[in-house]
Amino acid sequence: MGHELTDGDRLLGTLAALANPHRLRILEALQVNGRTYVSQLARELGISRPLLHLHLRKLEDAGLVTSQLELSDDGKSLNFFEVAAFGIALTPSAIADAARSLTPSSKNSKP
């Protein structure tokens, strides 16, 4: 049985996903180059595909990127990623609203 995320929980997840230099570089590469498949992105960034997959999963879970699996002409599966449309307004008021909407387990978690 899953639970619905509150705005505060979503904000924490988004900020956690962005709090990594590899993930910022992934977003930058996708923003500049557009839709790219995993192997190409790994070569471009100089990181391994397993590490890239880990970071892409965190970005996708936070709603910052989207993926689509496609078959190439020669039958290979290619997983394409692109930046999702998102905007984050970090104002004192937005943060206060997010803090009030945190679920009890998020309010008690330590950094």
N, C-alpha and C. Protein backbone atom coordinates (compact mmCIF):
# COMPACT_ATOMS: atom_id res chain seq x y z
N MET A 1 0.84 -1.17 0.00
CA MET A 1 0.00 0.00 0.00
C MET A 1 0.89 1.24 0.00
N GLY A 2 0.85 2.04 -1.08
CA GLY A 2 1.68 3.23 -1.19
C GLY A 2 1.03 4.41 -0.50
N HIS A 3 1.79 5.47 -0.34
CA HIS A 3 1.23 6.68 0.22
C HIS A 3 1.51 7.83 -0.75
N GLU A 4 0.63 8.79 -0.72
CA GLU A 4 0.77 9.92 -1.63
C GLU A 4 1.78 10.92 -1.06
N LEU A 5 2.65 11.42 -1.93
CA LEU A 5 3.63 12.39 -1.49
C LEU A 5 2.99 13.76 -1.36
N THR A 6 3.40 14.49 -0.34
CA THR A 6 2.93 15.86 -0.18
C THR A 6 3.86 16.79 -0.95
N ASP A 7 3.47 18.05 -1.06
CA ASP A 7 4.33 19.02 -1.75
C ASP A 7 5.69 19.12 -1.07
N GLY A 8 5.70 19.10 0.26
CA GLY A 8 6.96 19.17 0.99
C GLY A 8 7.85 17.97 0.71
N ASP A 9 7.24 16.77 0.68
CA ASP A 9 8.01 15.55 0.38
C ASP A 9 8.58 15.60 -1.03
N ARG A 10 7.78 16.11 -1.97
CA ARG A 10 8.25 16.22 -3.36
C ARG A 10 9.41 17.20 -3.46
N LEU A 11 9.31 18.32 -2.75
CA LEU A 11 10.39 19.31 -2.77
C LEU A 11 11.67 18.70 -2.22
N LEU A 12 11.57 17.96 -1.11
CA LEU A 12 12.77 17.31 -0.55
C LEU A 12 13.38 16.34 -1.55
N GLY A 13 12.54 15.55 -2.23
CA GLY A 13 13.03 14.61 -3.22
C GLY A 13 13.71 15.30 -4.39
N THR A 14 13.13 16.41 -4.84
CA THR A 14 13.71 17.16 -5.95
C THR A 14 15.04 17.77 -5.55
N LEU A 15 15.09 18.39 -4.38
CA LEU A 15 16.35 18.99 -3.93
C LEU A 15 17.43 17.94 -3.71
N ALA A 16 17.05 16.77 -3.19
CA ALA A 16 18.02 15.68 -3.00
C ALA A 16 18.55 15.21 -4.35
N ALA A 17 17.67 15.13 -5.35
CA ALA A 17 18.10 14.69 -6.67
C ALA A 17 19.06 15.70 -7.30
N LEU A 18 18.87 16.97 -7.02
CA LEU A 18 19.72 18.01 -7.60
C LEU A 18 21.03 18.20 -6.82
N ALA A 19 21.12 17.65 -5.62
CA ALA A 19 22.27 17.89 -4.74
C ALA A 19 23.42 16.94 -5.05
N ASN A 20 23.77 16.82 -6.33
CA ASN A 20 24.87 15.95 -6.74
C ASN A 20 25.47 16.50 -8.02
N PRO A 21 26.79 16.68 -8.07
CA PRO A 21 27.40 17.27 -9.27
C PRO A 21 27.20 16.42 -10.53
N HIS A 22 27.20 15.09 -10.40
CA HIS A 22 26.97 14.24 -11.58
C HIS A 22 25.57 14.50 -12.15
N ARG A 23 24.59 14.61 -11.27
CA ARG A 23 23.21 14.80 -11.74
C ARG A 23 23.03 16.18 -12.36
N LEU A 24 23.70 17.19 -11.83
CA LEU A 24 23.65 18.51 -12.45
C LEU A 24 24.28 18.46 -13.85
N ARG A 25 25.39 17.75 -13.99
CA ARG A 25 26.04 17.62 -15.30
C ARG A 25 25.15 16.85 -16.28
N ILE A 26 24.44 15.84 -15.79
CA ILE A 26 23.53 15.08 -16.65
C ILE A 26 22.42 16.00 -17.16
N LEU A 27 21.83 16.78 -16.27
CA LEU A 27 20.77 17.71 -16.68
C LEU A 27 21.31 18.73 -17.67
N GLU A 28 22.51 19.22 -17.44
CA GLU A 28 23.11 20.19 -18.35
C GLU A 28 23.31 19.59 -19.73
N ALA A 29 23.85 18.37 -19.78
CA ALA A 29 24.08 17.70 -21.07
C ALA A 29 22.78 17.46 -21.81
N LEU A 30 21.76 17.02 -21.11
CA LEU A 30 20.46 16.77 -21.76
C LEU A 30 19.81 18.07 -22.21
N GLN A 31 19.97 19.12 -21.44
CA GLN A 31 19.40 20.42 -21.81
C GLN A 31 20.08 20.96 -23.06
N VAL A 32 21.41 20.86 -23.12
CA VAL A 32 22.16 21.40 -24.26
C VAL A 32 21.99 20.54 -25.51
N ASN A 33 22.10 19.22 -25.35
CA ASN A 33 22.10 18.32 -26.50
C ASN A 33 20.75 17.74 -26.85
N GLY A 34 19.78 17.89 -25.96
CA GLY A 34 18.48 17.30 -26.21
C GLY A 34 18.45 15.82 -25.89
N ARG A 35 17.44 15.17 -26.39
CA ARG A 35 17.17 13.76 -26.16
C ARG A 35 18.38 12.91 -26.54
N THR A 36 18.87 12.08 -25.60
CA THR A 36 20.09 11.31 -25.79
C THR A 36 19.91 9.92 -25.19
N TYR A 37 20.52 8.91 -25.83
CA TYR A 37 20.45 7.57 -25.25
C TYR A 37 21.60 7.34 -24.29
N VAL A 38 21.43 6.37 -23.41
CA VAL A 38 22.30 6.19 -22.25
C VAL A 38 23.78 6.03 -22.64
N SER A 39 24.07 5.15 -23.60
CA SER A 39 25.49 4.92 -23.95
C SER A 39 26.16 6.19 -24.44
N GLN A 40 25.47 6.96 -25.25
CA GLN A 40 26.01 8.22 -25.76
C GLN A 40 26.25 9.19 -24.61
N LEU A 41 25.29 9.29 -23.71
CA LEU A 41 25.41 10.19 -22.57
C LEU A 41 26.57 9.77 -21.66
N ALA A 42 26.74 8.48 -21.44
CA ALA A 42 27.84 7.98 -20.60
C ALA A 42 29.19 8.34 -21.21
N ARG A 43 29.30 8.17 -22.52
CA ARG A 43 30.56 8.54 -23.21
C ARG A 43 30.82 10.03 -23.10
N GLU A 44 29.79 10.81 -23.33
CA GLU A 44 29.94 12.26 -23.29
C GLU A 44 30.37 12.76 -21.91
N LEU A 45 29.80 12.17 -20.86
CA LEU A 45 30.09 12.62 -19.50
C LEU A 45 31.31 11.93 -18.89
N GLY A 46 31.76 10.84 -19.53
CA GLY A 46 32.92 10.12 -19.02
C GLY A 46 32.64 9.35 -17.73
N ILE A 47 31.41 8.84 -17.59
CA ILE A 47 31.08 8.00 -16.43
C ILE A 47 30.53 6.66 -16.93
N SER A 48 30.58 5.66 -16.07
CA SER A 48 30.13 4.32 -16.46
C SER A 48 28.61 4.30 -16.62
N ARG A 49 28.15 3.37 -17.45
CA ARG A 49 26.71 3.24 -17.64
C ARG A 49 25.98 2.86 -16.35
N PRO A 50 26.53 1.93 -15.52
CA PRO A 50 25.82 1.63 -14.26
C PRO A 50 25.68 2.85 -13.35
N LEU A 51 26.74 3.66 -13.25
CA LEU A 51 26.66 4.87 -12.43
C LEU A 51 25.67 5.86 -13.04
N LEU A 52 25.70 5.99 -14.36
CA LEU A 52 24.77 6.88 -15.04
C LEU A 52 23.33 6.44 -14.81
N HIS A 53 23.07 5.13 -14.91
CA HIS A 53 21.72 4.61 -14.66
C HIS A 53 21.24 4.95 -13.25
N LEU A 54 22.12 4.83 -12.27
CA LEU A 54 21.76 5.16 -10.89
C LEU A 54 21.32 6.62 -10.79
N HIS A 55 22.11 7.51 -11.38
CA HIS A 55 21.79 8.94 -11.32
C HIS A 55 20.53 9.27 -12.13
N LEU A 56 20.39 8.65 -13.30
CA LEU A 56 19.19 8.89 -14.11
C LEU A 56 17.93 8.42 -13.40
N ARG A 57 18.02 7.30 -12.69
CA ARG A 57 16.86 6.80 -11.93
C ARG A 57 16.44 7.81 -10.87
N LYS A 58 17.42 8.38 -10.16
CA LYS A 58 17.10 9.38 -9.13
C LYS A 58 16.47 10.63 -9.76
N LEU A 59 17.00 11.06 -10.90
CA LEU A 59 16.44 12.22 -11.59
C LEU A 59 15.03 11.92 -12.11
N GLU A 60 14.83 10.71 -12.61
CA GLU A 60 13.52 10.34 -13.13
C GLU A 60 12.50 10.21 -11.99
N ASP A 61 12.91 9.61 -10.87
CA ASP A 61 12.03 9.49 -9.71
C ASP A 61 11.57 10.86 -9.20
N ALA A 62 12.46 11.86 -9.34
CA ALA A 62 12.13 13.22 -8.90
C ALA A 62 11.35 13.99 -9.97
N GLY A 63 11.12 13.39 -11.13
CA GLY A 63 10.36 14.05 -12.19
C GLY A 63 11.16 15.06 -12.99
N LEU A 64 12.49 14.97 -12.93
CA LEU A 64 13.34 15.94 -13.62
C LEU A 64 13.73 15.50 -15.02
N VAL A 65 13.70 14.20 -15.29
CA VAL A 65 13.95 13.67 -16.63
C VAL A 65 12.89 12.62 -16.94
N THR A 66 12.72 12.35 -18.23
CA THR A 66 11.83 11.27 -18.67
C THR A 66 12.63 10.34 -19.56
N SER A 67 12.15 9.10 -19.67
CA SER A 67 12.85 8.12 -20.51
C SER A 67 11.86 7.42 -21.42
N GLN A 68 12.40 6.92 -22.52
CA GLN A 68 11.61 6.14 -23.46
C GLN A 68 12.51 5.08 -24.08
N LEU A 69 12.09 3.83 -23.97
CA LEU A 69 12.83 2.70 -24.54
C LEU A 69 12.40 2.52 -25.99
N GLU A 70 13.39 2.45 -26.89
CA GLU A 70 13.10 2.28 -28.31
C GLU A 70 14.02 1.23 -28.89
N LEU A 71 13.60 0.60 -29.97
CA LEU A 71 14.43 -0.36 -30.69
C LEU A 71 15.10 0.33 -31.86
N SER A 72 16.41 0.09 -32.01
CA SER A 72 17.13 0.64 -33.16
C SER A 72 16.84 -0.23 -34.38
N ASP A 73 17.29 0.22 -35.54
CA ASP A 73 17.08 -0.54 -36.78
C ASP A 73 17.69 -1.94 -36.71
N ASP A 74 18.79 -2.07 -35.95
CA ASP A 74 19.43 -3.39 -35.85
C ASP A 74 18.93 -4.21 -34.66
N GLY A 75 17.84 -3.76 -34.02
CA GLY A 75 17.20 -4.54 -32.97
C GLY A 75 17.70 -4.30 -31.56
N LYS A 76 18.62 -3.35 -31.37
CA LYS A 76 19.11 -3.04 -30.03
C LYS A 76 18.10 -2.16 -29.29
N SER A 77 17.99 -2.40 -27.99
CA SER A 77 17.16 -1.53 -27.15
C SER A 77 17.97 -0.31 -26.75
N LEU A 78 17.43 0.84 -27.02
CA LEU A 78 18.08 2.09 -26.63
C LEU A 78 17.14 2.85 -25.70
N ASN A 79 17.67 3.24 -24.54
CA ASN A 79 16.88 3.99 -23.58
C ASN A 79 17.24 5.47 -23.73
N PHE A 80 16.31 6.26 -24.27
CA PHE A 80 16.53 7.69 -24.48
C PHE A 80 16.02 8.48 -23.28
N PHE A 81 16.78 9.50 -22.90
CA PHE A 81 16.39 10.38 -21.80
C PHE A 81 16.34 11.81 -22.30
N GLU A 82 15.45 12.58 -21.68
CA GLU A 82 15.41 14.01 -21.95
C GLU A 82 14.94 14.74 -20.70
N VAL A 83 15.23 16.03 -20.63
CA VAL A 83 14.84 16.83 -19.48
C VAL A 83 13.33 17.02 -19.52
N ALA A 84 12.70 16.83 -18.38
CA ALA A 84 11.27 17.09 -18.25
C ALA A 84 11.07 18.59 -18.03
N ALA A 85 9.90 19.07 -18.37
CA ALA A 85 9.59 20.48 -18.10
C ALA A 85 9.34 20.60 -16.59
N PHE A 86 10.15 21.39 -15.93
CA PHE A 86 9.95 21.60 -14.49
C PHE A 86 10.37 23.01 -14.11
N GLY A 87 9.86 23.46 -13.01
CA GLY A 87 10.24 24.75 -12.45
C GLY A 87 10.15 24.65 -10.94
N ILE A 88 11.10 25.24 -10.27
CA ILE A 88 11.14 25.18 -8.81
C ILE A 88 11.27 26.60 -8.28
N ALA A 89 10.28 27.05 -7.54
CA ALA A 89 10.33 28.39 -6.94
C ALA A 89 10.73 28.24 -5.48
N LEU A 90 11.93 28.68 -5.16
CA LEU A 90 12.42 28.58 -3.78
C LEU A 90 12.37 29.96 -3.12
N THR A 91 11.19 30.28 -2.66
CA THR A 91 11.01 31.52 -1.92
C THR A 91 10.78 31.14 -0.45
N PRO A 92 11.00 32.07 0.47
CA PRO A 92 10.73 31.75 1.87
C PRO A 92 9.30 31.25 2.08
N SER A 93 8.34 31.85 1.42
CA SER A 93 6.95 31.44 1.56
C SER A 93 6.72 30.03 1.02
N ALA A 94 7.31 29.70 -0.14
CA ALA A 94 7.16 28.37 -0.73
C ALA A 94 7.77 27.31 0.18
N ILE A 95 8.92 27.63 0.77
CA ILE A 95 9.57 26.68 1.68
C ILE A 95 8.74 26.48 2.94
N ALA A 96 8.17 27.57 3.47
CA ALA A 96 7.32 27.46 4.66
C ALA A 96 6.09 26.60 4.35
N ASP A 97 5.46 26.81 3.20
CA ASP A 97 4.30 25.99 2.80
C ASP A 97 4.71 24.53 2.67
N ALA A 98 5.87 24.27 2.05
CA ALA A 98 6.34 22.89 1.88
C ALA A 98 6.61 22.25 3.24
N ALA A 99 7.21 22.99 4.15
CA ALA A 99 7.52 22.45 5.48
C ALA A 99 6.25 22.05 6.22
N ARG A 100 5.20 22.86 6.08
CA ARG A 100 3.93 22.55 6.75
C ARG A 100 3.27 21.30 6.17
N SER A 101 3.59 20.96 4.93
CA SER A 101 2.92 19.83 4.28
C SER A 101 3.73 18.53 4.35
N LEU A 102 4.88 18.54 5.03
CA LEU A 102 5.68 17.33 5.14
C LEU A 102 4.91 16.22 5.86
N THR A 103 5.10 14.99 5.43
CA THR A 103 4.52 13.88 6.17
C THR A 103 5.28 13.69 7.47
N PRO A 104 4.66 13.08 8.47
CA PRO A 104 5.34 12.93 9.77
C PRO A 104 6.72 12.28 9.68
N SER A 105 6.90 11.28 8.83
CA SER A 105 8.22 10.63 8.76
C SER A 105 9.27 11.57 8.17
N SER A 106 8.88 12.48 7.26
CA SER A 106 9.83 13.44 6.70
C SER A 106 10.19 14.51 7.74
N LYS A 107 9.23 14.90 8.56
CA LYS A 107 9.48 15.94 9.56
C LYS A 107 10.49 15.47 10.59
N ASN A 108 10.51 14.17 10.87
CA ASN A 108 11.40 13.66 11.91
C ASN A 108 12.73 13.15 11.39
N SER A 109 12.94 13.14 10.06
CA SER A 109 14.18 12.58 9.54
C SER A 109 15.33 13.56 9.75
N LYS A 110 16.49 12.98 9.96
CA LYS A 110 17.70 13.76 10.20
C LYS A 110 18.45 13.91 8.87
N PRO A 111 19.24 14.98 8.70
CA PRO A 111 19.99 15.17 7.46
C PRO A 111 21.05 14.12 7.23
